[in-house]
Amino acid sequence: MSRRFRILLSMLMVIGMVAAAQPAYALTVTPDDTWQAKGRVFALAKSGDTIFLGGKFTKLLGPSGNPKPAALNVAALNMTTGAPVPGFAASVTNTVASGAAEVRALAVSNDGSTLYLGGKFDTVNGELHKNLAAVSTADGSLIPGFQVDANKPVNALLTGTGLVYFGGDFKRVNTKPRNFVAAMSPGGVLSNDWKPSADNTIRSLETATDGATVFIGGKFLTMNGGARTSVARVSATDGSLDAWAIPPGVIDNGNPAWDLLATGNRLFGGFGNGPNYAAAFRLDNGSTGTQLWRRNTVGNVQGLAFNADGSRLFVAGHFGTARLQQTVCGSVNLRGLMMVDP
């Protein structure tokens, strides 16, 4: 996923809708006519000129005079025109469990052919798939032979080299024990080698820039039996715990890491559940993830992204949703999105 796209992703997470992309993905103060999801958008993924939406919605709403096509919790839009992609027709529902289905995480395979879906659901395109599924990016049809089921919701997905990582609320995958985080082959074979063990919910996954390790964020206090509050680093190949750690007491117990973003020498994190903040930690100080800065907010920080040259960090979340709730620089009121010097 490009850095430029991650900016767009964070902004769209805040407003819960998808606007037609301007040239070079620029955003204007006054939007053009837009295609929107009737409901909530929780996740986005990009493949070529297509952007996939996942969330809790029932249809797409186009500019005035356009039809309102059904879209059950997953959809595909053309990033240039903003219009639905013809022929893409995946649907995600609950037919066995009660309650509305949700797609909470999306990821595209490295070859661009497969869209992985994670969330809270039991049926995809009319077939049983519990909380995890894979469909074609071309038309939304199910990938033959893919059957990886998690017993509780999947909140995060990440495509790596040879493995697809996923985390959430689950304790079992395909009836095998997996403590909140697991991995599978791109084709859907559960890995028996990569199985870190957390003691609570996983919310975010991020690959280190060298691809050798994976950062895991969530609400846990331990990883593989070692003390790690909300953020841990593990091997990308066997899941063993890396020595790098944020010092004890820096992150408050029970404060989830909703999103993580890594560079070569820094790890940025979005946290929330009280207190709420964005923060930066060192990756160039041996095994010590010293905190460099923290920007407090009055609501969860749930999305992070750089601008094109990496000189600014966009921070998205629930802060400022009430008037005058988040004031900076004396008089500027922030509502769900701010930009900071990384």
C-alpha atoms as a PDB file:
ATOM      1  CA  MET A   1       0.000   0.000   0.000  1.00  0.00           C
ATOM      2  CA  SER A   2       1.523   3.367  -1.004  1.00  0.00           C
ATOM      3  CA  ARG A   3       2.043   6.177   1.475  1.00  0.00           C
ATOM      4  CA  ARG A   4      -0.077   8.459  -0.706  1.00  0.00           C
ATOM      5  CA  PHE A   5      -2.959   6.015  -0.533  1.00  0.00           C
ATOM      6  CA  ARG A   6      -2.625   5.709   3.235  1.00  0.00           C
ATOM      7  CA  ILE A   7      -3.339   9.439   3.479  1.00  0.00           C
ATOM      8  CA  LEU A   8      -6.557   8.923   1.559  1.00  0.00           C
ATOM      9  CA  LEU A   9      -7.388   5.909   3.688  1.00  0.00           C
ATOM     10  CA  SER A  10      -7.068   7.828   6.962  1.00  0.00           C
ATOM     11  CA  MET A  11      -9.221  10.684   5.740  1.00  0.00           C
ATOM     12  CA  LEU A  12     -11.926   8.329   4.510  1.00  0.00           C
ATOM     13  CA  MET A  13     -11.913   6.444   7.807  1.00  0.00           C
ATOM     14  CA  VAL A  14     -12.908   9.689   9.517  1.00  0.00           C
ATOM     15  CA  ILE A  15     -15.780  10.671   7.238  1.00  0.00           C
ATOM     16  CA  GLY A  16     -17.031   7.138   6.523  1.00  0.00           C
ATOM     17  CA  MET A  17     -17.521   7.700   2.808  1.00  0.00           C
ATOM     18  CA  VAL A  18     -15.600   7.529  -0.455  1.00  0.00           C
ATOM     19  CA  ALA A  19     -15.233  10.588  -2.656  1.00  0.00           C
ATOM     20  CA  ALA A  20     -14.220  10.567  -6.292  1.00  0.00           C
ATOM     21  CA  ALA A  21     -10.445  10.970  -6.390  1.00  0.00           C
ATOM     22  CA  GLN A  22      -9.030  14.180  -7.807  1.00  0.00           C
ATOM     23  CA  PRO A  23      -5.840  14.175  -9.918  1.00  0.00           C
ATOM     24  CA  ALA A  24      -2.912  12.852  -7.835  1.00  0.00           C
ATOM     25  CA  TYR A  25      -5.456  11.993  -5.122  1.00  0.00           C
ATOM     26  CA  ALA A  26      -5.711  15.642  -4.090  1.00  0.00           C
ATOM     27  CA  LEU A  27      -8.669  16.702  -1.961  1.00  0.00           C
ATOM     28  CA  THR A  28     -10.564  19.931  -2.439  1.00  0.00           C
ATOM     29  CA  VAL A  29     -12.519  21.946   0.091  1.00  0.00           C
ATOM     30  CA  THR A  30     -15.695  21.564  -1.978  1.00  0.00           C
ATOM     31  CA  PRO A  31     -16.137  17.922  -3.055  1.00  0.00           C
ATOM     32  CA  ASP A  32     -17.362  16.863  -6.456  1.00  0.00           C
ATOM     33  CA  ASP A  33     -20.391  14.596  -6.771  1.00  0.00           C
ATOM     34  CA  THR A  34     -19.573  11.468  -4.803  1.00  0.00           C
ATOM     35  CA  TRP A  35     -20.457   7.817  -4.475  1.00  0.00           C
ATOM     36  CA  GLN A  36     -21.045   6.912  -0.854  1.00  0.00           C
ATOM     37  CA  ALA A  37     -21.780   3.871   1.259  1.00  0.00           C
ATOM     38  CA  LYS A  38     -25.109   3.907   3.053  1.00  0.00           C
ATOM     39  CA  GLY A  39     -23.723   3.018   6.447  1.00  0.00           C
ATOM     40  CA  ARG A  40     -20.224   2.838   7.890  1.00  0.00           C
ATOM     41  CA  VAL A  41     -16.910   2.170   6.185  1.00  0.00           C
ATOM     42  CA  PHE A  42     -14.363   0.464   8.459  1.00  0.00           C
ATOM     43  CA  ALA A  43     -11.672  -0.659   6.014  1.00  0.00           C
ATOM     44  CA  LEU A  44     -10.189   0.125   2.607  1.00  0.00           C
ATOM     45  CA  ALA A  45      -7.750  -1.642   0.296  1.00  0.00           C
ATOM     46  CA  LYS A  46      -6.340  -0.628  -3.078  1.00  0.00           C
ATOM     47  CA  SER A  47      -5.500  -2.673  -6.154  1.00  0.00           C
ATOM     48  CA  GLY A  48      -4.497  -0.773  -9.270  1.00  0.00           C
ATOM     49  CA  ASP A  49      -7.190   1.813  -9.955  1.00  0.00           C
ATOM     50  CA  THR A  50      -9.750   0.074  -7.734  1.00  0.00           C
ATOM     51  CA  ILE A  51     -10.472   0.883  -4.111  1.00  0.00           C
ATOM     52  CA  PHE A  52     -12.354  -1.709  -2.059  1.00  0.00           C
ATOM     53  CA  LEU A  53     -14.636  -0.737   0.815  1.00  0.00           C
ATOM     54  CA  GLY A  54     -15.526  -2.890   3.775  1.00  0.00           C
ATOM     55  CA  GLY A  55     -17.865  -2.026   6.596  1.00  0.00           C
ATOM     56  CA  LYS A  56     -21.460  -2.130   7.708  1.00  0.00           C
ATOM     57  CA  PHE A  57     -23.604  -0.886   4.819  1.00  0.00           C
ATOM     58  CA  THR A  58     -26.369  -2.081   2.517  1.00  0.00           C
ATOM     59  CA  LYS A  59     -26.054  -0.060  -0.688  1.00  0.00           C
ATOM     60  CA  LEU A  60     -24.090   2.575  -2.567  1.00  0.00           C
ATOM     61  CA  LEU A  61     -25.470   6.075  -3.045  1.00  0.00           C
ATOM     62  CA  GLY A  62     -24.455   7.866  -6.213  1.00  0.00           C
ATOM     63  CA  PRO A  63     -24.788  11.441  -7.462  1.00  0.00           C
ATOM     64  CA  SER A  64     -28.338  12.666  -8.010  1.00  0.00           C
ATOM     65  CA  GLY A  65     -30.234  10.654 -10.605  1.00  0.00           C
ATOM     66  CA  ASN A  66     -28.033   7.549 -10.371  1.00  0.00           C
ATOM     67  CA  PRO A  67     -29.352   4.150  -9.249  1.00  0.00           C
ATOM     68  CA  LYS A  68     -28.602   2.912  -5.729  1.00  0.00           C
ATOM     69  CA  PRO A  69     -27.009  -0.504  -6.228  1.00  0.00           C
ATOM     70  CA  ALA A  70     -27.083  -3.013  -3.383  1.00  0.00           C
ATOM     71  CA  ALA A  71     -23.732  -3.541  -1.663  1.00  0.00           C
ATOM     72  CA  LEU A  72     -23.759  -5.811   1.357  1.00  0.00           C
ATOM     73  CA  ASN A  73     -20.805  -4.691   3.489  1.00  0.00           C
ATOM     74  CA  VAL A  74     -18.206  -4.843   0.687  1.00  0.00           C
ATOM     75  CA  ALA A  75     -17.899  -2.897  -2.570  1.00  0.00           C
ATOM     76  CA  ALA A  76     -15.426  -1.797  -5.238  1.00  0.00           C
ATOM     77  CA  LEU A  77     -15.094   1.710  -6.691  1.00  0.00           C
ATOM     78  CA  ASN A  78     -13.028   3.108  -9.523  1.00  0.00           C
ATOM     79  CA  MET A  79     -10.554   5.557  -7.973  1.00  0.00           C
ATOM     80  CA  THR A  80     -10.610   7.878 -10.986  1.00  0.00           C
ATOM     81  CA  THR A  81     -14.353   8.190 -11.484  1.00  0.00           C
ATOM     82  CA  GLY A  82     -15.583   7.196  -8.035  1.00  0.00           C
ATOM     83  CA  ALA A  83     -18.211   4.961  -9.632  1.00  0.00           C
ATOM     84  CA  PRO A  84     -18.836   1.291  -8.740  1.00  0.00           C
ATOM     85  CA  VAL A  85     -16.701  -1.220 -10.633  1.00  0.00           C
ATOM     86  CA  PRO A  86     -18.934  -3.104 -13.112  1.00  0.00           C
ATOM     87  CA  GLY A  87     -19.201  -6.804 -12.394  1.00  0.00           C
ATOM     88  CA  PHE A  88     -17.889  -6.769  -8.815  1.00  0.00           C
ATOM     89  CA  ALA A  89     -20.637  -8.429  -6.775  1.00  0.00           C
ATOM     90  CA  ALA A  90     -19.407  -9.863  -3.469  1.00  0.00           C
ATOM     91  CA  SER A  91     -21.753  -9.849  -0.474  1.00  0.00           C
ATOM     92  CA  VAL A  92     -21.017 -10.399   3.218  1.00  0.00           C
ATOM     93  CA  THR A  93     -23.836 -11.299   5.605  1.00  0.00           C
ATOM     94  CA  ASN A  94     -24.859 -13.174   8.727  1.00  0.00           C
ATOM     95  CA  THR A  95     -27.223 -16.044   8.037  1.00  0.00           C
ATOM     96  CA  VAL A  96     -26.501 -18.242  11.057  1.00  0.00           C
ATOM     97  CA  ALA A  97     -25.465 -15.749  13.725  1.00  0.00           C
ATOM     98  CA  SER A  98     -27.680 -12.917  14.927  1.00  0.00           C
ATOM     99  CA  GLY A  99     -26.809  -9.272  14.444  1.00  0.00           C
ATOM    100  CA  ALA A 100     -25.583  -7.310  11.443  1.00  0.00           C
ATOM    101  CA  ALA A 101     -22.469  -8.453   9.596  1.00  0.00           C
ATOM    102  CA  GLU A 102     -19.379  -6.222   9.494  1.00  0.00           C
ATOM    103  CA  VAL A 103     -16.232  -6.194   7.372  1.00  0.00           C
ATOM    104  CA  ARG A 104     -13.535  -4.759   9.630  1.00  0.00           C
ATOM    105  CA  ALA A 105     -10.371  -5.460   7.648  1.00  0.00           C
ATOM    106  CA  LEU A 106      -9.318  -5.774   4.004  1.00  0.00           C
ATOM    107  CA  ALA A 107      -6.063  -6.710   2.296  1.00  0.00           C
ATOM    108  CA  VAL A 108      -5.048  -7.435  -1.291  1.00  0.00           C
ATOM    109  CA  SER A 109      -2.692 -10.280  -2.205  1.00  0.00           C
ATOM    110  CA  ASN A 110       0.755  -9.371  -3.494  1.00  0.00           C
ATOM    111  CA  ASP A 111      -0.198 -10.431  -7.028  1.00  0.00           C
ATOM    112  CA  GLY A 112      -3.351  -8.301  -6.911  1.00  0.00           C
ATOM    113  CA  SER A 113      -5.732 -11.163  -7.657  1.00  0.00           C
ATOM    114  CA  THR A 114      -7.268 -11.790  -4.239  1.00  0.00           C
ATOM    115  CA  LEU A 115      -9.118  -9.601  -1.755  1.00  0.00           C
ATOM    116  CA  TYR A 116      -9.024 -10.910   1.827  1.00  0.00           C
ATOM    117  CA  LEU A 117     -11.965 -10.023   4.076  1.00  0.00           C
ATOM    118  CA  GLY A 118     -11.939 -10.057   7.851  1.00  0.00           C
ATOM    119  CA  GLY A 119     -14.656  -9.087  10.273  1.00  0.00           C
ATOM    120  CA  LYS A 120     -17.770 -10.323  11.995  1.00  0.00           C
ATOM    121  CA  PHE A 121     -19.762 -12.473   9.560  1.00  0.00           C
ATOM    122  CA  ASP A 122     -20.599 -16.078   8.684  1.00  0.00           C
ATOM    123  CA  THR A 123     -21.619 -16.004   5.019  1.00  0.00           C
ATOM    124  CA  VAL A 124     -19.944 -14.693   1.860  1.00  0.00           C
ATOM    125  CA  ASN A 125     -21.691 -14.944  -1.518  1.00  0.00           C
ATOM    126  CA  GLY A 126     -24.156 -17.380   0.022  1.00  0.00           C
ATOM    127  CA  GLU A 127     -21.507 -19.812   1.332  1.00  0.00           C
ATOM    128  CA  LEU A 128     -20.447 -20.288   4.959  1.00  0.00           C
ATOM    129  CA  HIS A 129     -17.201 -18.480   5.833  1.00  0.00           C
ATOM    130  CA  LYS A 130     -16.785 -17.483   9.428  1.00  0.00           C
ATOM    131  CA  ASN A 131     -15.096 -14.104   9.989  1.00  0.00           C
ATOM    132  CA  LEU A 132     -12.483 -14.618   7.238  1.00  0.00           C
ATOM    133  CA  ALA A 133     -12.802 -15.100   3.482  1.00  0.00           C
ATOM    134  CA  ALA A 134     -11.117 -14.467   0.131  1.00  0.00           C
ATOM    135  CA  VAL A 135     -12.691 -13.242  -3.111  1.00  0.00           C
ATOM    136  CA  SER A 136     -11.459 -12.318  -6.559  1.00  0.00           C
ATOM    137  CA  THR A 137     -10.532  -8.664  -7.000  1.00  0.00           C
ATOM    138  CA  ALA A 138     -11.955  -8.876 -10.531  1.00  0.00           C
ATOM    139  CA  ASP A 139     -15.540  -9.848  -9.815  1.00  0.00           C
ATOM    140  CA  GLY A 140     -15.892 -10.651  -6.104  1.00  0.00           C
ATOM    141  CA  SER A 141     -16.350 -14.388  -6.636  1.00  0.00           C
ATOM    142  CA  LEU A 142     -15.095 -16.711  -3.922  1.00  0.00           C
ATOM    143  CA  ILE A 143     -11.553 -18.090  -4.275  1.00  0.00           C
ATOM    144  CA  PRO A 144     -11.909 -21.887  -4.784  1.00  0.00           C
ATOM    145  CA  GLY A 145     -10.613 -23.998  -1.917  1.00  0.00           C
ATOM    146  CA  PHE A 146     -10.181 -21.111   0.530  1.00  0.00           C
ATOM    147  CA  GLN A 147     -11.672 -22.080   3.898  1.00  0.00           C
ATOM    148  CA  VAL A 148     -10.039 -20.466   6.920  1.00  0.00           C
ATOM    149  CA  ASP A 149     -12.540 -19.853   9.717  1.00  0.00           C
ATOM    150  CA  ALA A 150     -11.955 -17.929  12.955  1.00  0.00           C
ATOM    151  CA  ASN A 151     -14.249 -18.514  15.922  1.00  0.00           C
ATOM    152  CA  LYS A 152     -14.452 -14.769  16.728  1.00  0.00           C
ATOM    153  CA  PRO A 153     -14.114 -11.551  14.680  1.00  0.00           C
ATOM    154  CA  VAL A 154     -11.018 -10.682  12.649  1.00  0.00           C
ATOM    155  CA  ASN A 155      -9.980  -7.035  13.112  1.00  0.00           C
ATOM    156  CA  ALA A 156      -6.716  -6.738  11.152  1.00  0.00           C
ATOM    157  CA  LEU A 157      -5.167  -8.188   7.984  1.00  0.00           C
ATOM    158  CA  LEU A 158      -1.664  -7.808   6.533  1.00  0.00           C
ATOM    159  CA  THR A 159      -0.127  -9.370   3.427  1.00  0.00           C
ATOM    160  CA  GLY A 160       3.523 -10.262   3.830  1.00  0.00           C
ATOM    161  CA  THR A 161       6.058 -12.268   1.858  1.00  0.00           C
ATOM    162  CA  GLY A 162       4.583 -15.765   1.582  1.00  0.00           C
ATOM    163  CA  LEU A 163       2.136 -15.267   4.442  1.00  0.00           C
ATOM    164  CA  VAL A 164      -1.057 -13.367   5.172  1.00  0.00           C
ATOM    165  CA  TYR A 165      -1.255 -12.300   8.816  1.00  0.00           C
ATOM    166  CA  PHE A 166      -4.518 -11.696  10.676  1.00  0.00           C
ATOM    167  CA  GLY A 167      -5.506 -10.719  14.196  1.00  0.00           C
ATOM    168  CA  GLY A 168      -8.657 -10.143  16.180  1.00  0.00           C
ATOM    169  CA  ASP A 169     -10.778 -11.514  19.013  1.00  0.00           C
ATOM    170  CA  PHE A 170     -10.482 -15.201  18.122  1.00  0.00           C
ATOM    171  CA  LYS A 171      -9.017 -18.092  20.115  1.00  0.00           C
ATOM    172  CA  ARG A 172      -9.339 -20.814  17.462  1.00  0.00           C
ATOM    173  CA  VAL A 173      -8.814 -20.950  13.691  1.00  0.00           C
ATOM    174  CA  ASN A 174     -10.027 -24.027  11.790  1.00  0.00           C
ATOM    175  CA  THR A 175     -10.581 -25.586  15.255  1.00  0.00           C
ATOM    176  CA  LYS A 176      -6.856 -25.172  16.091  1.00  0.00           C
ATOM    177  CA  PRO A 177      -5.723 -22.992  19.038  1.00  0.00           C
ATOM    178  CA  ARG A 178      -4.570 -19.521  17.993  1.00  0.00           C
ATOM    179  CA  ASN A 179      -4.448 -16.770  20.578  1.00  0.00           C
ATOM    180  CA  PHE A 180      -5.752 -13.624  18.842  1.00  0.00           C
ATOM    181  CA  VAL A 181      -3.217 -13.667  15.963  1.00  0.00           C
ATOM    182  CA  ALA A 182      -2.371 -16.143  13.194  1.00  0.00           C
ATOM    183  CA  ALA A 183      -1.117 -16.487   9.629  1.00  0.00           C
ATOM    184  CA  MET A 184      -2.030 -18.411   6.509  1.00  0.00           C
ATOM    185  CA  SER A 185      -0.658 -18.986   3.036  1.00  0.00           C
ATOM    186  CA  PRO A 186      -2.043 -16.744   0.266  1.00  0.00           C
ATOM    187  CA  GLY A 187      -4.200 -19.675  -0.833  1.00  0.00           C
ATOM    188  CA  GLY A 188      -5.688 -20.245   2.608  1.00  0.00           C
ATOM    189  CA  VAL A 189      -3.579 -22.894   4.368  1.00  0.00           C
ATOM    190  CA  LEU A 190      -3.258 -22.133   8.088  1.00  0.00           C
ATOM    191  CA  SER A 191       0.378 -21.766   9.124  1.00  0.00           C
ATOM    192  CA  ASN A 192       1.594 -24.159  11.811  1.00  0.00           C
ATOM    193  CA  ASP A 193       4.888 -22.276  12.125  1.00  0.00           C
ATOM    194  CA  TRP A 194       3.784 -18.666  12.639  1.00  0.00           C
ATOM    195  CA  LYS A 195       1.634 -18.563  15.763  1.00  0.00           C
ATOM    196  CA  PRO A 196       2.491 -15.860  18.293  1.00  0.00           C
ATOM    197  CA  SER A 197       0.339 -15.897  21.410  1.00  0.00           C
ATOM    198  CA  ALA A 198      -1.257 -12.758  22.857  1.00  0.00           C
ATOM    199  CA  ASP A 199      -3.450 -12.530  25.932  1.00  0.00           C
ATOM    200  CA  ASN A 200      -6.054 -10.173  24.475  1.00  0.00           C
ATOM    201  CA  THR A 201      -7.500  -8.573  21.350  1.00  0.00           C
ATOM    202  CA  ILE A 202      -5.405  -7.596  18.318  1.00  0.00           C
ATOM    203  CA  ARG A 203      -6.298  -4.398  16.450  1.00  0.00           C
ATOM    204  CA  SER A 204      -3.398  -3.646  14.077  1.00  0.00           C
ATOM    205  CA  LEU A 205      -0.570  -5.275  12.123  1.00  0.00           C
ATOM    206  CA  GLU A 206       2.367  -3.574  10.393  1.00  0.00           C
ATOM    207  CA  THR A 207       5.437  -4.950   8.605  1.00  0.00           C
ATOM    208  CA  ALA A 208       8.843  -3.486   9.416  1.00  0.00           C
ATOM    209  CA  THR A 209      10.445  -1.776   6.432  1.00  0.00           C
ATOM    210  CA  ASP A 210      12.957  -4.622   5.982  1.00  0.00           C
ATOM    211  CA  GLY A 211      10.163  -7.232   6.008  1.00  0.00           C
ATOM    212  CA  ALA A 212      11.916  -9.300   8.680  1.00  0.00           C
ATOM    213  CA  THR A 213       9.567  -8.517  11.559  1.00  0.00           C
ATOM    214  CA  VAL A 214       5.896  -7.711  12.144  1.00  0.00           C
ATOM    215  CA  PHE A 215       4.581  -5.166  14.644  1.00  0.00           C
ATOM    216  CA  ILE A 216       1.397  -6.235  16.436  1.00  0.00           C
ATOM    217  CA  GLY A 217      -0.901  -3.760  18.163  1.00  0.00           C
ATOM    218  CA  GLY A 218      -3.879  -4.357  20.411  1.00  0.00           C
ATOM    219  CA  LYS A 219      -5.059  -4.537  23.990  1.00  0.00           C
ATOM    220  CA  PHE A 220      -2.712  -7.217  25.279  1.00  0.00           C
ATOM    221  CA  LEU A 221      -0.239  -7.261  28.157  1.00  0.00           C
ATOM    222  CA  THR A 222       1.840 -10.242  27.036  1.00  0.00           C
ATOM    223  CA  MET A 223       3.079 -11.713  23.760  1.00  0.00           C
ATOM    224  CA  ASN A 224       4.542 -15.229  23.676  1.00  0.00           C
ATOM    225  CA  GLY A 225       4.638 -15.060  27.473  1.00  0.00           C
ATOM    226  CA  GLY A 226       6.814 -11.941  27.517  1.00  0.00           C
ATOM    227  CA  ALA A 227       5.648  -8.619  28.946  1.00  0.00           C
ATOM    228  CA  ARG A 228       4.500  -6.338  26.123  1.00  0.00           C
ATOM    229  CA  THR A 229       1.869  -3.648  26.649  1.00  0.00           C
ATOM    230  CA  SER A 230      -0.277  -3.046  23.537  1.00  0.00           C
ATOM    231  CA  VAL A 231       2.660  -3.249  21.069  1.00  0.00           C
ATOM    232  CA  ALA A 232       4.940  -6.188  20.280  1.00  0.00           C
ATOM    233  CA  ARG A 233       7.436  -7.069  17.563  1.00  0.00           C
ATOM    234  CA  VAL A 234       7.792 -10.640  16.286  1.00  0.00           C
ATOM    235  CA  SER A 235       9.619 -12.514  13.547  1.00  0.00           C
ATOM    236  CA  ALA A 236       7.831 -12.451  10.200  1.00  0.00           C
ATOM    237  CA  THR A 237       8.796 -16.078   9.537  1.00  0.00           C
ATOM    238  CA  ASP A 238       8.318 -17.985  12.801  1.00  0.00           C
ATOM    239  CA  GLY A 239       6.504 -15.535  15.101  1.00  0.00           C
ATOM    240  CA  SER A 240       9.191 -15.574  17.795  1.00  0.00           C
ATOM    241  CA  LEU A 241       9.263 -12.538  20.086  1.00  0.00           C
ATOM    242  CA  ASP A 242      11.754  -9.835  19.130  1.00  0.00           C
ATOM    243  CA  ALA A 243      13.838  -8.201  21.863  1.00  0.00           C
ATOM    244  CA  TRP A 244      12.657  -4.726  20.865  1.00  0.00           C
ATOM    245  CA  ALA A 245      10.130  -3.345  23.333  1.00  0.00           C
ATOM    246  CA  ILE A 246       8.593  -0.085  24.477  1.00  0.00           C
ATOM    247  CA  PRO A 247       9.698   0.432  28.118  1.00  0.00           C
ATOM    248  CA  PRO A 248       7.214  -0.588  30.831  1.00  0.00           C
ATOM    249  CA  GLY A 249       4.821   2.122  31.988  1.00  0.00           C
ATOM    250  CA  VAL A 250       4.977   4.199  28.788  1.00  0.00           C
ATOM    251  CA  ILE A 251       1.707   2.786  27.437  1.00  0.00           C
ATOM    252  CA  ASP A 252      -1.143   2.514  29.922  1.00  0.00           C
ATOM    253  CA  ASN A 253      -2.422  -0.986  30.645  1.00  0.00           C
ATOM    254  CA  GLY A 254      -5.555  -1.804  28.688  1.00  0.00           C
ATOM    255  CA  ASN A 255      -5.036   1.023  26.180  1.00  0.00           C
ATOM    256  CA  PRO A 256      -5.290  -0.543  22.705  1.00  0.00           C
ATOM    257  CA  ALA A 257      -2.965   0.279  19.838  1.00  0.00           C
ATOM    258  CA  TRP A 258      -5.516   0.861  17.073  1.00  0.00           C
ATOM    259  CA  ASP A 259      -3.040   1.561  14.285  1.00  0.00           C
ATOM    260  CA  LEU A 260       0.707   1.273  13.722  1.00  0.00           C
ATOM    261  CA  LEU A 261       2.912   2.824  11.032  1.00  0.00           C
ATOM    262  CA  ALA A 262       6.621   2.026  10.675  1.00  0.00           C
ATOM    263  CA  THR A 263       9.553   3.743   8.998  1.00  0.00           C
ATOM    264  CA  GLY A 264      13.185   2.667   9.053  1.00  0.00           C
ATOM    265  CA  ASN A 265      13.859   4.291  12.418  1.00  0.00           C
ATOM    266  CA  ARG A 266      10.458   5.112  13.925  1.00  0.00           C
ATOM    267  CA  LEU A 267       7.238   3.379  14.901  1.00  0.00           C
ATOM    268  CA  PHE A 268       4.151   5.586  15.133  1.00  0.00           C
ATOM    269  CA  GLY A 269       1.105   4.415  17.056  1.00  0.00           C
ATOM    270  CA  GLY A 270      -2.482   5.492  17.548  1.00  0.00           C
ATOM    271  CA  PHE A 271      -3.939   4.685  20.965  1.00  0.00           C
ATOM    272  CA  GLY A 272      -7.310   5.084  22.615  1.00  0.00           C
ATOM    273  CA  ASN A 273      -9.552   3.958  25.438  1.00  0.00           C
ATOM    274  CA  GLY A 274      -8.382   6.595  27.882  1.00  0.00           C
ATOM    275  CA  PRO A 275      -5.965   8.240  27.700  1.00  0.00           C
ATOM    276  CA  ASN A 276      -6.017   8.789  23.936  1.00  0.00           C
ATOM    277  CA  TYR A 277      -3.010   9.877  21.892  1.00  0.00           C
ATOM    278  CA  ALA A 278      -0.688   9.474  18.936  1.00  0.00           C
ATOM    279  CA  ALA A 279       2.939   8.729  19.759  1.00  0.00           C
ATOM    280  CA  ALA A 280       6.303   7.950  18.184  1.00  0.00           C
ATOM    281  CA  PHE A 281       8.884   5.396  19.344  1.00  0.00           C
ATOM    282  CA  ARG A 282      12.498   4.775  18.372  1.00  0.00           C
ATOM    283  CA  LEU A 283      13.550   1.808  16.240  1.00  0.00           C
ATOM    284  CA  ASP A 284      17.184   2.951  16.094  1.00  0.00           C
ATOM    285  CA  ASN A 285      18.062   2.555  19.768  1.00  0.00           C
ATOM    286  CA  GLY A 286      18.834  -1.136  19.960  1.00  0.00           C
ATOM    287  CA  SER A 287      16.035  -3.064  21.614  1.00  0.00           C
ATOM    288  CA  THR A 288      14.588  -0.045  23.454  1.00  0.00           C
ATOM    289  CA  GLY A 289      11.565   1.646  21.890  1.00  0.00           C
ATOM    290  CA  THR A 290      12.012   4.987  23.605  1.00  0.00           C
ATOM    291  CA  GLN A 291       9.037   7.328  23.258  1.00  0.00           C
ATOM    292  CA  LEU A 292       9.990  10.459  21.292  1.00  0.00           C
ATOM    293  CA  TRP A 293       6.741  12.409  21.512  1.00  0.00           C
ATOM    294  CA  ARG A 294       3.068  12.107  22.385  1.00  0.00           C
ATOM    295  CA  ARG A 295       0.136  14.210  21.198  1.00  0.00           C
ATOM    296  CA  ASN A 296      -2.875  13.805  23.461  1.00  0.00           C
ATOM    297  CA  THR A 297      -6.408  13.795  22.037  1.00  0.00           C
ATOM    298  CA  VAL A 298      -9.885  13.655  23.548  1.00  0.00           C
ATOM    299  CA  GLY A 299     -10.872  10.558  21.583  1.00  0.00           C
ATOM    300  CA  ASN A 300      -9.331   7.409  20.122  1.00  0.00           C
ATOM    301  CA  VAL A 301      -6.615   7.742  17.484  1.00  0.00           C
ATOM    302  CA  GLN A 302      -7.454   5.038  14.927  1.00  0.00           C
ATOM    303  CA  GLY A 303      -5.681   5.971  11.684  1.00  0.00           C
ATOM    304  CA  LEU A 304      -2.165   7.104  10.732  1.00  0.00           C
ATOM    305  CA  ALA A 305      -0.688   8.040   7.346  1.00  0.00           C
ATOM    306  CA  PHE A 306       2.155  10.059   5.848  1.00  0.00           C
ATOM    307  CA  ASN A 307       1.950  12.624   3.115  1.00  0.00           C
ATOM    308  CA  ALA A 308       3.794  11.808  -0.126  1.00  0.00           C
ATOM    309  CA  ASP A 309       7.282  12.843   1.033  1.00  0.00           C
ATOM    310  CA  GLY A 310       6.922  11.693   4.646  1.00  0.00           C
ATOM    311  CA  SER A 311       7.302  15.189   6.092  1.00  0.00           C
ATOM    312  CA  ARG A 312       3.859  15.255   7.715  1.00  0.00           C
ATOM    313  CA  LEU A 313       1.886  12.669   9.666  1.00  0.00           C
ATOM    314  CA  PHE A 314      -1.901  12.623   9.393  1.00  0.00           C
ATOM    315  CA  VAL A 315      -3.711  11.456  12.545  1.00  0.00           C
ATOM    316  CA  ALA A 316      -7.351  10.379  12.326  1.00  0.00           C
ATOM    317  CA  GLY A 317      -9.813   9.327  15.010  1.00  0.00           C
ATOM    318  CA  HIS A 318     -12.797  10.170  17.183  1.00  0.00           C
ATOM    319  CA  PHE A 319     -11.410  13.340  18.739  1.00  0.00           C
ATOM    320  CA  GLY A 320     -13.257  16.615  18.213  1.00  0.00           C
ATOM    321  CA  THR A 321     -16.576  14.991  17.326  1.00  0.00           C
ATOM    322  CA  ALA A 322     -18.240  17.350  19.796  1.00  0.00           C
ATOM    323  CA  ARG A 323     -17.883  21.090  19.222  1.00  0.00           C
ATOM    324  CA  LEU A 324     -14.859  22.697  20.928  1.00  0.00           C
ATOM    325  CA  GLN A 325     -13.768  19.277  22.152  1.00  0.00           C
ATOM    326  CA  GLN A 326     -10.300  19.396  20.567  1.00  0.00           C
ATOM    327  CA  THR A 327      -8.747  22.858  20.407  1.00  0.00           C
ATOM    328  CA  VAL A 328      -5.134  23.499  19.379  1.00  0.00           C
ATOM    329  CA  CYS A 329      -3.006  26.568  18.688  1.00  0.00           C
ATOM    330  CA  GLY A 330      -5.300  28.640  20.880  1.00  0.00           C
ATOM    331  CA  SER A 331      -8.370  28.688  18.666  1.00  0.00           C
ATOM    332  CA  VAL A 332      -8.263  25.937  16.010  1.00  0.00           C
ATOM    333  CA  ASN A 333     -10.927  23.270  16.497  1.00  0.00           C
ATOM    334  CA  LEU A 334      -9.987  19.824  15.182  1.00  0.00           C
ATOM    335  CA  ARG A 335     -12.663  17.339  14.183  1.00  0.00           C
ATOM    336  CA  GLY A 336     -11.373  13.856  13.559  1.00  0.00           C
ATOM    337  CA  LEU A 337      -8.246  14.731  11.585  1.00  0.00           C
ATOM    338  CA  MET A 338      -5.011  16.551  12.339  1.00  0.00           C
ATOM    339  CA  MET A 339      -1.578  16.860  10.790  1.00  0.00           C
ATOM    340  CA  VAL A 340       1.612  16.845  12.866  1.00  0.00           C
ATOM    341  CA  ASP A 341       5.345  17.012  12.287  1.00  0.00           C
ATOM    342  CA  PRO A 342       6.510  13.394  12.613  1.00  0.00           C
END
